[in-house]
Each structure stands twice: as structure tokens, then as C-alpha cells.
Amino acid sequence: MSKRELEIQLYRLSQQIKKGEAQINSMEVEFAKKIKITRDVVADLKTMEESISVAATRYREACEKESKKVETKLMRELELMQKTSEKTQALSAKVDEIDLGKAQTFAIFDSLIFAISNWSTDGQSSPDVELALQSVLFPTVYERVMKGNADYIVNTVPVPALEIVKRGRETIKWLRQTTDKSLIDPTSWEEHAGMVQQWFIRDALPLIYGARDPDWDDDLPLSLTEVVEWRDMPASRALHFPLIFDGMDLVEKYRDEIREHTGLPVFTQQQLTTRLEP
């Protein structure tokens, strides 16, 4: 190989080396750009990560704060509901106690006048006298009880109950010896119902309540027409005698409690042994 040929090859080799170096330099520049881009992306990602972390923390704190608010509100509402429920239950119990007292009063007085009207040992009864007693009992006692006058509540059979029954039966016996007409007869009612009514007001009621109430003298007894309507027309009771009707409903509602707590079963047995000879 001549010297010229060798120089030519060396020149070509040097050119190739320069070209390779240029390519390498270009690749290094490109790689550096990509490295920079990657670093920028990583930096952006880190920034985004930090932002997301901050946002997530704030969101979590906001949720926890809101959750505590909701929880506090719900707890207050629950406490209020519990207090309201307790008050409602207490009020309901109080209402039940009041209604039970009304029912007991009705049941006791009904038993008293029923015992009085069944007065004789031979089985005679006086439903007409029972009506006369109801004519004064309804406005004097029952209506006051149903209007909320607690002074007229009678929860248990009064101690003088048997004495009242005895005196009432003696009144009926005297009445039967005085007239053979029923008080249902308008003339007989006019003549004798007042005596029965006054006995109840002046003798029976003071024994039960311990004293007379001056207002009793101002109470107007039901008329014969009214008590007969009460007896014979049950369908009209709710309309014409609403307080008495509601009281009788309470007696049905609390029948078991009345039987258990008033002493009426014992009274019923005792009064059977004190009937009068006709």
C-alpha cells in the first residue's frame, strides 16, 4: 500500500471517528434533554403529590370536622328525643293514672248504687231508685270527675261504704212502704225522687268525701226524661251525655285494674250479707 493510499484511509477513518463523535454528542444532548424532561416530570409529579397530599389532608380534616358536627347534632337530637320520650312516657303514665282514677270512681259509685237498689233478702230490686240516684250522681260527681276535679276521685271502696248501702236500703224500704208506685211514674217521681236525691247529697256523699260541698245544693239533677233516655237509648249516650259516656268507656278500659286495686270484689261479697227483710 502506498503512502497516499494510507493517508486516504487514515483520513476516511478520522472522518468516520468525527462523525461517530458528532453522533455521540448529539445522542448525549438528546439524552440530556430527555433526562431533564424526566426530572421535570418527576418534579411535577412530586409537586402534584404534595398538592394531592395537602388537599387530601384538608379534605379529611374537613370531613372529620363536618362528621363531628353531624355527630354532635345527632347526639343532641337523640338526647332531645330521649328527653321528649321520657316526658311523653311520664305524661302518658300521668294521663293513665288520672284516667284510671276516673274509672275507679265510676266503678265504685256504680257498685254502691247497684248494691243499694238490690236491697231485700227476697231478691227485690229497685231500678227506679237507681235512676233517681243516677240523676243526682251524674252532675254532682261524675261530671266533676270527668272535668278534672281531682277532689272527687275515689280510688278504693270508702270505709263507710257498707253503712251507706245500709242507709240507702232503709230509704228504699221506707219508700216501698210509703207508696207502691214506681218512681218511673211521673207523679211518683215528682213526689218522691227529691227525697232520694237529698238523702244521697246530704247523707251518702258527706260520708264518702268527709264533708259537704256547698256547690251540691246548686247542682241540678237530671230529669226523669233524661235518666230514662240514658237507660233506654244507649245509642244517644255519646251525643247527649258525652262526659258520662266517656267515663263508662274508661271503666271498660281499666276493668282489670279496677278489680285488682279498688277492693270492689270484697265489697260485693260483703254487701250481699246485709240485705234487709222486706
Foldseek 3Di string as FASTA:
>chain_A
DDPVVVVVVVVVVVVVVVVVVVVVVVVVVVVVVVVVVVVVVVVVVVVVVVVVVVVVVVVVVVVVVVVVVVVVVVVVVVVVVVVVVVVVVVVVVVVLVLLLLLLLLVVLVLLLLQLLQQFAPVRHGAVLLSLLQCQLCCQPQQVCSLVPPPLRGANANAPCSLVSSLVSNVVVVVVVVVDVDHCLPVVNVVVPSVVSNCCCQVPVVCSRNVHHDPCSVVDDGHDSVVSVCVVPPVVCCCPPPVSVVVSVVSNVVCVVVSVVGHCVVVVVVVSSVSHHHD
